[in-house]
Protein backbone atom coordinates (compact mmCIF):
# COMPACT_ATOMS: atom_id res chain seq x y z
CA MET A 1 7.78 7.61 20.28
CA SER A 2 6.01 5.94 23.16
CA THR A 3 7.62 6.48 26.56
CA ASP A 4 6.42 3.24 28.15
CA ARG A 5 8.92 0.99 26.40
CA PRO A 6 12.52 1.26 25.13
CA ALA A 7 12.90 2.85 21.71
CA ASP A 8 12.90 0.65 18.64
CA PRO A 9 12.11 1.15 14.93
CA ILE A 10 9.13 -1.25 14.86
CA LYS A 11 5.74 0.20 13.87
CA VAL A 12 2.29 -1.32 13.36
CA TYR A 13 2.77 -2.60 9.79
CA ASP A 14 6.56 -2.83 9.47
CA ALA A 15 9.72 -1.14 10.74
CA ARG A 16 10.33 2.47 9.75
CA TRP A 17 12.77 5.14 10.94
CA VAL A 18 14.57 8.31 9.87
CA ASP A 19 18.06 7.40 8.68
CA GLY A 20 20.42 8.18 11.55
CA GLU A 21 17.71 7.92 14.21
CA PHE A 22 19.13 4.50 15.07
CA SER A 23 22.79 3.57 14.86
CA ASP A 24 23.99 0.91 12.45
CA ALA A 25 24.50 -1.36 15.45
CA GLU A 26 20.83 -0.92 16.38
CA VAL A 27 19.79 -1.58 12.78
CA VAL A 28 21.84 -4.80 12.80
CA ARG A 29 20.06 -5.68 16.04
CA LEU A 30 16.74 -5.31 14.20
CA PHE A 31 17.95 -7.67 11.47
CA ASP A 32 19.26 -10.07 14.09
CA ALA A 33 15.86 -10.17 15.83
CA THR A 34 13.95 -10.52 12.57
CA LEU A 35 16.16 -13.35 11.36
CA ARG A 36 15.95 -15.16 14.69
CA TYR A 37 12.17 -14.93 14.44
CA ALA A 38 12.30 -16.18 10.84
CA ARG A 39 14.44 -19.14 11.99
CA GLU A 40 11.82 -19.93 14.65
CA GLN A 41 9.25 -20.11 11.84
CA GLY A 42 11.33 -22.60 9.85
CA ALA A 43 13.19 -20.27 7.49
CA ASP A 44 16.58 -21.29 6.14
CA THR A 45 16.71 -18.91 3.16
CA VAL A 46 16.18 -15.15 2.99
CA VAL A 47 15.43 -12.88 0.02
CA ILE A 48 16.87 -9.37 0.42
CA THR A 49 15.99 -6.40 -1.80
CA ARG A 50 15.92 -2.60 -1.53
CA ASP A 51 14.12 0.33 -3.05
CA ALA A 52 15.73 3.50 -4.41
CA ARG A 53 16.41 5.32 -1.12
CA LEU A 54 19.91 6.72 -0.60
CA ALA A 55 20.30 4.78 2.64
CA GLY A 56 19.23 1.56 0.92
CA PRO A 57 22.61 0.16 -0.17
CA ARG A 58 24.21 0.66 3.26
CA VAL A 59 21.28 -0.80 5.16
CA MET A 60 20.93 -3.68 2.69
CA GLN A 61 24.61 -4.55 3.17
CA LEU A 62 24.03 -4.70 6.93
CA ALA A 63 21.13 -7.09 6.32
CA ILE A 64 23.16 -9.33 3.99
CA ASP A 65 26.10 -9.48 6.42
CA GLU A 66 23.88 -10.46 9.36
CA ALA A 67 21.96 -13.08 7.36
CA LEU A 68 25.21 -14.67 6.19
CA ARG A 69 26.59 -14.60 9.74
CA GLN A 70 23.53 -16.52 10.92
CA GLY A 71 24.04 -19.14 8.21
CA PHE A 72 21.15 -18.28 5.88
CA ARG A 73 21.24 -18.83 2.17
CA VAL A 74 20.72 -15.34 0.76
CA ARG A 75 19.21 -14.39 -2.59
CA ALA A 76 19.61 -10.67 -3.20
CA CYS A 77 18.90 -8.25 -6.03
CA ALA A 78 21.54 -5.53 -6.05
CA ASP A 79 19.52 -2.97 -8.02
CA PRO A 80 16.47 -1.14 -6.63
CA VAL A 81 13.21 -3.03 -7.18
CA SER A 82 9.62 -2.71 -6.06
CA THR A 83 8.12 -4.37 -3.02
CA PRO A 84 5.77 -6.44 -5.25
CA HIS A 85 8.88 -7.68 -7.05
CA HIS A 86 10.26 -8.68 -3.64
CA TYR A 87 7.16 -10.79 -2.96
CA PHE A 88 7.49 -12.37 -6.42
CA LEU A 89 11.13 -13.20 -5.74
CA CYS A 90 10.12 -14.85 -2.44
CA LEU A 91 7.49 -16.94 -4.24
CA GLU A 92 9.86 -17.97 -7.01
CA THR A 93 12.50 -18.94 -4.47
CA ALA A 94 9.89 -21.02 -2.60
CA ARG A 95 9.55 -23.32 -5.63
CA SER A 96 12.78 -25.02 -4.53
CA ARG A 97 13.29 -23.64 -1.01
CA PRO A 98 9.90 -23.26 0.74
CA GLY A 99 11.54 -22.05 3.95
CA VAL A 100 12.16 -18.60 2.49
CA ALA A 101 11.69 -15.38 4.45
CA GLY A 102 12.29 -11.86 3.17
CA LEU A 103 13.91 -8.57 4.12
CA ALA A 104 12.67 -5.73 1.90
CA ILE A 105 14.59 -2.54 2.66
CA THR A 106 12.06 0.20 1.96
CA ALA A 107 10.22 3.15 3.48
CA SER A 108 7.43 3.05 0.91
CA HIS A 109 5.90 6.50 0.28
CA ASN A 110 7.63 8.28 3.20
CA PRO A 111 9.96 11.25 2.66
CA GLY A 112 13.45 10.51 1.41
CA GLU A 113 15.14 10.66 4.81
CA TYR A 114 13.19 7.59 5.97
CA ILE A 115 14.31 3.98 5.65
CA GLY A 116 12.61 0.81 6.84
CA LEU A 117 11.96 -2.91 6.60
CA LYS A 118 9.16 -5.22 5.50
CA ALA A 119 9.78 -8.83 6.47
CA PRO A 120 7.51 -11.49 4.96
CA LEU A 121 7.71 -15.01 6.36
CA PRO A 122 7.43 -18.31 4.50
CA VAL A 123 5.82 -18.05 2.05
CA ALA A 124 5.52 -14.32 1.20
CA ARG A 125 3.36 -13.83 4.29
CA ALA A 126 3.42 -10.25 5.58
CA ILE A 127 3.60 -9.65 9.31
CA GLY A 128 2.75 -6.72 11.58
CA LEU A 129 2.27 -6.02 15.26
CA ASP A 130 0.10 -8.81 16.66
CA CYS A 131 -0.25 -10.05 13.08
CA GLY A 132 1.43 -13.27 12.01
CA PRO A 133 2.71 -16.42 13.74
CA ASP A 134 3.53 -15.92 17.43
CA GLY A 135 2.51 -12.28 17.17
CA GLY A 136 4.58 -11.28 14.12
CA LEU A 137 6.42 -8.03 14.79
CA THR A 138 5.42 -8.26 18.46
CA ARG A 139 7.69 -11.30 18.70
CA VAL A 140 10.42 -9.48 16.71
CA ARG A 141 10.18 -6.58 19.16
CA ALA A 142 10.60 -8.95 22.13
CA LEU A 143 13.69 -10.49 20.53
CA TYR A 144 15.06 -7.00 19.76
CA HIS A 145 14.89 -6.09 23.44
CA ASP A 146 15.90 -9.43 25.01
CA GLY A 147 19.62 -8.70 24.95
CA GLY A 148 20.43 -11.86 23.01
CA ALA A 149 21.81 -12.40 19.54
CA GLY A 150 21.50 -15.05 16.89
CA HIS A 151 24.23 -17.64 16.87
CA GLY A 152 26.79 -17.54 14.11
CA ARG A 153 26.38 -20.58 11.88
CA PRO A 154 28.28 -22.02 8.97
CA GLY A 155 26.65 -22.38 5.59
CA GLY A 156 25.83 -18.77 4.80
CA ARG A 157 25.92 -18.24 1.05
CA LEU A 158 25.08 -15.27 -1.17
CA GLU A 159 23.49 -15.46 -4.62
CA LEU A 160 22.88 -12.28 -6.60
CA VAL A 161 19.85 -12.60 -8.86
CA ASP A 162 17.94 -10.42 -11.31
CA LEU A 163 14.40 -11.69 -11.99
CA ARG A 164 12.93 -8.41 -13.19
CA ASP A 165 12.13 -9.76 -16.65
CA ALA A 166 10.62 -12.90 -15.08
CA TYR A 167 8.49 -10.70 -12.82
CA VAL A 168 7.20 -8.78 -15.81
CA GLY A 169 6.43 -12.00 -17.69
CA ALA A 170 4.63 -13.55 -14.72
CA SER A 171 2.56 -10.38 -14.26
CA LEU A 172 1.50 -10.43 -17.91
CA ALA A 173 0.54 -14.09 -17.61
CA ALA A 174 -1.45 -13.57 -14.40
CA ALA A 175 -3.36 -10.70 -16.03
CA GLU A 176 -3.93 -12.84 -19.16
CA VAL A 177 -2.43 -10.06 -21.25
CA ALA A 178 -0.51 -11.29 -24.29
CA GLU A 179 2.58 -9.41 -25.41
CA GLY A 180 1.56 -6.64 -27.81
CA SER A 181 -2.16 -7.03 -27.04
CA LEU A 182 -2.52 -3.54 -25.56
CA GLY A 183 -1.43 -1.87 -28.77
CA GLY A 184 -3.14 1.46 -29.37
CA LEU A 185 -3.30 2.40 -25.68
CA ARG A 186 -1.34 5.46 -24.60
CA VAL A 187 -0.50 5.61 -20.89
CA ALA A 188 1.24 8.38 -18.95
CA VAL A 189 3.28 7.00 -16.03
CA ASP A 190 4.80 8.96 -13.14
CA ALA A 191 7.02 6.82 -10.91
CA LEU A 192 7.98 9.80 -8.70
CA HIS A 193 11.61 8.59 -8.93
CA GLY A 194 10.74 5.40 -7.04
CA SER A 195 11.99 1.90 -7.69
CA ALA A 196 9.06 0.62 -9.80
CA GLY A 197 9.41 2.92 -12.81
CA PRO A 198 11.62 0.64 -14.98
CA GLU A 199 9.47 -2.41 -14.14
CA PHE A 200 6.30 -0.63 -15.25
CA TYR A 201 7.95 0.66 -18.40
CA ARG A 202 9.10 -2.85 -19.35
CA GLY A 203 5.75 -4.40 -18.50
CA LEU A 204 3.50 -1.92 -20.27
CA THR A 205 5.65 -1.70 -23.39
CA ARG A 206 5.89 -5.50 -23.62
CA ALA A 207 2.11 -5.52 -23.47
CA GLY A 208 2.09 -3.14 -26.45
CA ALA A 209 1.05 0.11 -24.75
CA GLU A 210 2.74 3.40 -25.56
CA VAL A 211 4.21 4.81 -22.35
CA ILE A 212 4.70 8.53 -21.76
CA PRO A 213 7.22 8.54 -18.90
CA LEU A 214 7.53 11.12 -16.14
CA ARG A 215 10.09 10.84 -13.33
CA LEU A 216 10.69 7.24 -14.40
CA LEU A 217 14.25 6.67 -13.19
CA PRO A 218 14.94 5.75 -9.55
CA ASP A 219 16.47 8.65 -7.63
CA GLY A 220 16.67 8.33 -3.84
CA ARG A 221 16.91 12.11 -3.42
CA PHE A 222 13.24 12.27 -4.53
CA PRO A 223 13.57 15.72 -6.11
CA ALA A 224 9.78 15.88 -6.60
CA GLY A 225 9.20 15.47 -2.85
CA SER A 226 7.79 12.51 -0.96
CA PRO A 227 7.00 9.69 -3.43
CA ASN A 228 3.33 9.50 -2.44
CA PRO A 229 0.95 9.72 -5.42
CA THR A 230 -2.07 10.05 -3.12
CA SER A 231 -0.86 13.38 -1.67
CA ARG A 232 -3.09 16.20 -2.81
CA GLY A 233 -1.82 17.84 -5.97
CA LYS A 234 1.07 15.39 -6.40
CA LEU A 235 -0.19 14.17 -9.79
CA ASP A 236 -1.39 17.49 -11.23
CA GLU A 237 1.56 17.56 -13.62
CA LEU A 238 0.83 13.98 -14.69
CA ALA A 239 -2.80 14.85 -15.44
CA ALA A 240 -1.59 17.75 -17.60
CA VAL A 241 0.81 15.43 -19.44
CA CYS A 242 -2.10 13.04 -19.99
CA ARG A 243 -4.21 15.84 -21.51
CA ASN A 244 -1.40 17.28 -23.62
CA HIS A 245 -0.51 13.89 -25.12
CA ASN A 246 -4.11 12.70 -25.50
CA ALA A 247 -3.33 9.66 -23.34
CA ASP A 248 -6.07 7.20 -22.43
CA LEU A 249 -5.17 7.26 -18.75
CA PHE A 250 -2.35 7.82 -16.27
CA ILE A 251 -0.73 5.80 -13.50
CA GLY A 252 1.05 7.33 -10.50
CA ILE A 253 3.30 5.00 -8.47
CA ASP A 254 4.74 5.39 -4.99
CA GLY A 255 8.33 4.98 -3.83
CA ASP A 256 8.37 1.20 -3.52
CA GLY A 257 5.75 0.43 -6.17
CA ASP A 258 2.98 -1.06 -4.04
CA ARG A 259 0.68 1.99 -4.19
CA LEU A 260 -1.01 3.15 -7.41
CA VAL A 261 -3.22 6.05 -8.42
CA PHE A 262 -5.14 5.90 -11.69
CA GLY A 263 -6.74 8.76 -13.58
CA SER A 264 -6.88 10.68 -16.84
CA GLY A 265 -6.81 14.23 -18.10
CA ARG A 266 -10.01 14.72 -16.15
CA GLY A 267 -8.16 14.07 -12.89
CA VAL A 268 -7.59 11.36 -10.32
CA LEU A 269 -9.90 8.37 -9.88
CA SER A 270 -10.32 7.17 -6.32
CA ALA A 271 -9.37 3.53 -5.76
CA GLY A 272 -12.94 2.45 -5.07
CA PHE A 273 -14.00 3.51 -8.55
CA ALA A 274 -10.75 2.60 -10.34
CA SER A 275 -11.07 -0.94 -8.99
CA ILE A 276 -14.44 -1.54 -10.66
CA PRO A 277 -13.10 -2.83 -14.03
CA MET A 278 -10.54 -5.00 -12.27
CA LEU A 279 -13.11 -6.49 -9.92
CA ARG A 280 -15.46 -7.10 -12.85
CA ALA A 281 -12.67 -8.98 -14.63
CA TRP A 282 -11.74 -10.86 -11.44
CA ALA A 283 -15.35 -11.90 -10.77
CA ARG A 284 -15.81 -12.96 -14.39
CA ARG A 285 -12.66 -15.07 -14.25
CA ARG A 286 -13.63 -16.69 -10.95
CA GLY A 287 -17.22 -17.23 -12.08
CA LYS A 288 -18.50 -16.48 -8.60
CA THR A 289 -21.12 -14.30 -6.99
CA GLY A 290 -20.87 -13.07 -3.43
CA MET A 291 -17.08 -12.97 -3.80
CA PRO A 292 -15.70 -11.28 -0.65
CA VAL A 293 -13.48 -8.27 -1.33
CA LEU A 294 -12.02 -6.17 1.47
CA TYR A 295 -12.32 -2.40 1.48
CA ASP A 296 -11.01 0.19 3.89
CA PRO A 297 -13.14 2.91 5.54
CA LYS A 298 -12.20 5.54 2.93
CA VAL A 299 -13.70 3.76 -0.07
CA SER A 300 -16.59 5.80 -1.44
CA PRO A 301 -20.10 4.46 -0.64
CA PRO A 302 -21.34 4.88 -4.26
CA ALA A 303 -18.40 2.76 -5.46
CA LEU A 304 -19.39 0.02 -3.03
CA ARG A 305 -22.91 0.02 -4.44
CA VAL A 306 -21.43 -0.69 -7.89
CA TRP A 307 -19.32 -3.49 -6.41
CA ALA A 308 -22.48 -5.08 -5.07
CA ASP A 309 -24.07 -4.85 -8.53
CA LEU A 310 -21.10 -6.86 -9.86
CA GLY A 311 -21.82 -9.68 -7.42
CA ILE A 312 -19.07 -8.57 -5.05
CA ARG A 313 -19.60 -8.79 -1.28
CA PRO A 314 -17.79 -5.76 0.19
CA VAL A 315 -16.18 -6.50 3.56
CA LEU A 316 -15.05 -3.56 5.72
CA PHE A 317 -11.58 -3.87 7.20
CA ARG A 318 -8.76 -1.71 8.50
CA ASN A 319 -5.83 -0.15 6.67
CA GLY A 320 -2.52 -1.98 6.69
CA HIS A 321 -0.92 -4.33 4.17
CA SER A 322 0.04 -6.97 6.73
CA GLN A 323 -3.33 -7.06 8.46
CA ILE A 324 -5.35 -6.96 5.23
CA LYS A 325 -3.51 -9.89 3.66
CA ASP A 326 -3.77 -11.88 6.87
CA TYR A 327 -7.53 -11.25 7.03
CA MET A 328 -7.93 -12.12 3.34
CA ASP A 329 -6.48 -15.53 4.14
CA ALA A 330 -8.70 -15.86 7.22
CA ILE A 331 -11.99 -15.29 5.35
CA GLY A 332 -10.99 -16.48 1.87
CA ALA A 333 -11.29 -13.05 0.25
CA GLU A 334 -10.25 -12.91 -3.40
CA ALA A 335 -9.09 -9.28 -3.45
CA GLY A 336 -8.78 -6.11 -1.40
CA VAL A 337 -8.79 -2.38 -2.11
CA GLU A 338 -7.49 0.50 -0.01
CA GLU A 339 -8.30 4.07 -0.96
CA SER A 340 -4.62 4.81 -0.30
CA GLY A 341 -3.88 3.08 -3.60
CA HIS A 342 -3.13 -0.45 -2.44
CA TYR A 343 -4.69 -3.32 -4.38
CA TYR A 344 -4.45 -6.93 -3.20
CA HIS A 345 -4.88 -10.20 -5.08
CA ARG A 346 -5.02 -13.89 -4.27
CA LEU A 347 -2.33 -15.37 -6.50
CA THR A 348 -0.85 -18.82 -7.10
CA VAL A 349 2.82 -19.32 -7.93
CA GLY A 350 3.98 -22.92 -8.09
CA ASN A 351 2.45 -24.79 -5.15
CA HIS A 352 1.74 -21.68 -3.11
CA THR A 353 -1.40 -19.52 -3.08
CA VAL A 354 -1.04 -16.26 -1.18
CA ALA A 355 -2.75 -12.93 -0.64
CA THR A 356 -0.24 -10.42 -1.93
CA GLU A 357 0.40 -7.27 -3.96
CA ASN A 358 1.43 -7.14 -7.59
CA SER A 359 0.95 -3.56 -8.77
CA LEU A 360 1.97 -4.32 -12.33
CA LEU A 361 -0.74 -7.01 -12.46
CA THR A 362 -3.25 -4.49 -11.06
CA ALA A 363 -2.40 -2.00 -13.79
CA LEU A 364 -2.49 -4.63 -16.53
CA LEU A 365 -5.94 -5.82 -15.44
CA LEU A 366 -7.28 -2.28 -15.72
CA LEU A 367 -5.55 -1.62 -19.04
CA ARG A 368 -6.93 -4.84 -20.49
CA GLU A 369 -10.46 -3.75 -19.65
CA VAL A 370 -9.83 -0.27 -21.07
CA ARG A 371 -8.39 -1.76 -24.27
CA GLU A 372 -11.57 -3.80 -24.71
CA ASP A 373 -13.84 -0.83 -23.92
CA ARG A 374 -12.29 2.58 -24.59
CA GLY A 375 -15.16 4.36 -22.86
CA GLU A 376 -14.40 2.73 -19.49
CA ILE A 377 -12.33 5.56 -17.98
CA ALA A 378 -14.85 8.22 -18.98
CA ARG A 379 -17.67 6.23 -17.36
CA LEU A 380 -15.68 5.85 -14.16
CA HIS A 381 -15.13 9.61 -14.05
CA ASP A 382 -18.84 10.12 -14.68
CA LEU A 383 -19.67 7.85 -11.76
CA GLU A 384 -17.31 9.72 -9.49
CA GLN A 385 -17.75 13.28 -10.72
CA ASN A 386 -20.41 14.14 -8.13
CA VAL A 387 -18.37 12.75 -5.24
CA PHE A 388 -16.28 15.32 -3.41
CA THR A 389 -13.07 13.93 -1.90
CA THR A 390 -10.39 15.74 0.05
CA GLY A 391 -7.80 13.06 -0.56
CA GLU A 392 -5.64 12.06 2.36
CA ILE A 393 -4.49 15.17 4.21
CA ASN A 394 -1.61 14.66 6.64
CA VAL A 395 -1.34 17.18 9.47
CA GLN A 396 1.71 17.22 11.74
CA PHE A 397 1.60 18.67 15.25
CA ALA A 398 4.18 19.76 17.79
CA ASP A 399 3.86 16.47 19.68
CA ASP A 400 1.68 13.39 20.04
CA ALA A 401 -0.36 14.88 22.88
CA THR A 402 -1.39 17.87 20.75
CA ARG A 403 -2.21 15.54 17.86
CA ASP A 404 -4.46 13.45 20.10
CA ARG A 405 -6.31 16.52 21.41
CA ALA A 406 -6.81 17.73 17.84
CA LEU A 407 -8.21 14.35 16.79
CA ALA A 408 -10.65 14.30 19.70
CA ALA A 409 -11.85 17.80 18.84
CA ALA A 410 -12.34 16.93 15.15
CA LEU A 411 -14.37 13.83 16.01
CA ALA A 412 -16.48 15.72 18.54
CA ARG A 413 -17.36 18.31 15.92
CA LEU A 414 -18.33 15.66 13.36
CA VAL A 415 -20.52 13.89 15.91
CA SER A 416 -22.23 17.19 16.66
CA LEU A 417 -23.11 17.37 12.97
CA GLY A 418 -24.81 13.97 13.13
CA ALA A 419 -21.94 11.63 12.25
CA ALA A 420 -21.94 8.05 13.45
CA VAL A 421 -18.43 6.99 14.45
CA ARG A 422 -16.94 3.55 14.79
CA ASP A 423 -13.50 2.10 15.43
CA ARG A 424 -14.34 -1.59 14.88
CA THR A 425 -15.89 -3.75 12.17
CA GLY A 426 -19.07 -5.74 12.66
CA ASP A 427 -17.07 -8.79 13.79
CA GLY A 428 -14.98 -6.78 16.23
CA GLN A 429 -11.86 -6.14 14.15
CA ASP A 430 -9.98 -2.98 15.13
CA LEU A 431 -10.16 -0.42 12.28
CA GLY A 432 -6.95 1.27 13.38
CA GLY A 433 -8.71 4.64 13.35
CA THR A 434 -12.18 6.12 13.42
CA ALA A 435 -14.64 5.87 10.54
CA VAL A 436 -17.30 8.58 10.35
CA ALA A 437 -20.54 8.48 8.37
CA ILE A 438 -23.52 10.78 7.91
CA ARG A 439 -26.56 9.29 6.15
CA VAL A 440 -24.67 6.08 5.32
CA THR A 441 -25.98 2.93 7.00
CA GLU A 442 -24.85 -0.68 6.73
CA THR A 443 -27.58 -3.16 5.80
CA PRO A 444 -27.49 -6.96 5.37
CA ASP A 445 -27.34 -6.41 1.59
CA GLY A 446 -24.66 -3.72 1.61
CA LEU A 447 -25.12 0.01 2.20
CA ASP A 448 -28.07 2.35 2.41
CA VAL A 449 -26.79 5.69 1.09
CA ALA A 450 -29.06 8.74 1.37
CA ASP A 451 -28.74 12.13 -0.32
CA ASP A 452 -26.09 14.50 1.03
CA TRP A 453 -24.09 11.69 2.61
CA VAL A 454 -20.67 12.18 4.18
CA SER A 455 -18.01 9.55 4.81
CA GLY A 456 -14.52 9.78 6.24
CA PHE A 457 -11.70 8.28 8.22
CA LEU A 458 -9.32 9.83 10.75
CA ARG A 459 -6.34 7.98 12.16
CA VAL A 460 -3.00 8.50 13.82
CA ALA A 461 -0.06 7.84 11.51
CA THR A 462 1.98 4.84 12.58
CA ASN A 463 5.19 5.69 10.73
CA GLU A 464 5.53 9.47 11.15
CA LYS A 465 5.77 11.37 14.40
CA ALA A 466 2.77 13.41 15.62
CA VAL A 467 0.91 13.09 12.30
CA LEU A 468 -2.87 12.81 11.93
CA ARG A 469 -4.25 11.46 8.64
CA THR A 470 -7.65 12.80 7.61
CA TYR A 471 -9.88 11.84 4.71
CA LEU A 472 -13.37 13.09 3.91
CA SER A 473 -15.74 12.46 1.02
CA ALA A 474 -19.23 13.76 0.42
CA ASP A 475 -22.16 13.55 -1.93
CA ARG A 476 -22.12 17.32 -2.52
CA ALA A 477 -19.07 19.47 -3.09
CA ALA A 478 -20.47 22.31 -1.00
CA THR A 479 -20.96 20.00 1.99
CA GLY A 480 -17.51 18.45 1.64
CA GLN A 481 -15.72 21.76 1.13
CA ALA A 482 -17.43 23.30 4.15
CA LEU A 483 -16.41 20.33 6.31
CA GLU A 484 -12.87 20.43 4.98
CA ARG A 485 -12.53 24.15 5.76
CA GLU A 486 -13.89 23.69 9.26
CA VAL A 487 -11.99 20.53 10.22
CA LEU A 488 -8.69 21.46 8.59
CA GLY A 489 -8.96 25.05 9.78
CA ASN A 490 -9.36 23.85 13.36
CA LEU A 491 -6.45 21.41 13.12
CA THR A 492 -4.08 24.02 11.71
CA GLY A 493 -5.47 26.99 13.64
CA GLU A 494 -6.40 26.12 17.20
CA PHE A 495 -3.96 23.20 17.43
CA GLY A 496 -1.11 24.63 15.33
CA GLY A 497 -0.84 21.70 12.92
CA ARG A 498 0.81 22.01 9.52
CA VAL A 499 -0.10 20.11 6.38
CA VAL A 500 2.74 17.82 5.23
CA ASP A 501 3.24 15.32 2.39
């Protein structure tokens, strides 16, 4: 943690902490500050949900009690649900109560001992540090430390709801997938014991697909380890299940259901390539060319060239769900793709159009395209087969200072090999890390990609202590493997880092 301010659980994109790191009184203080901020933004209703984490029920009860004390009308789902379901519940509630904020109790893909909070504002608008009205979480942090407390008010009322079937139906409708229309598709699904498994099973089977389930039921102990499908090797078992059952493709889902990894028996598809059928369908539906779609610095340059061929205008932006959705609204982007497995859509529910996540919709869009053209997945693998990718490798160090020295050394070595580095977009937006590129150059029409290119992104983790996230991709496996050995070897050798989930 930083030493120049008092401790709090607020990070760049949301709030996240190890259970027990903050007392229940301090957690209530976080809810108090968040709800006071929501009240400042006109909220009178709050949606509260949780994922499958063992700390979830206790922390959710604290949130409900504080919201009721402050006089909010509370709609809560008692069972674990995905974060995209939370956004859907906010949007549905806004049909009759537009002043609805949210408290989603989740720590996403982090290890099981973590717990956290995502807090969208009216209507389903994600916030982060310096992102959102009056600074978003920056304002929440100020309220957390101001020593005050929200006034108790009458009128607090709790309503327990279960809209999981409605969420599935709305996702099918948004994807224009009729019930039973995906008959003949066989899909292997690994939910890694997160909260989205039952939702995906209901959605895909209602659409007619045959689902081969793996680790489908929510289990906050996460016996398979951190519920992060992008971790290297995490989906090896799923790929084997896909091969053994002759499935058309597989889907890996993270702990709170807002991160997806697609692939087949041939292995994992990176998000840049997996998004191609969905973007083709989205562009066809919108009937537009030059449609802006955000991508993060890890998306493969060859994938971006295919996007451009579809009439997509790729727009570089930083990682981070709050910041991406805010920037989508700012520039009118129709979609966004992060190589970490996050897919974003511009959706309309009732009178509200928002940039949001609906992972079930994402999967259904891809499956619809695969159902119409059974060779789609093989072609995507063929496109990607010559691209070497390390995947995201997380390296933890003894402390933040060692991590920072290791990052500086890694970047210096890449620059010595001819890499161009940048930490901002063309219009000055902070990338939240450092993008590196060798023989990849931006042009007015897109990208100029030469033979033996290298691309990557290195950034400090915002939710785990002393962790550096690294990601490298290359045109040639030999080039990429040599860089991986050198960079990773230096991080773990000279600087004593250890690879973690």
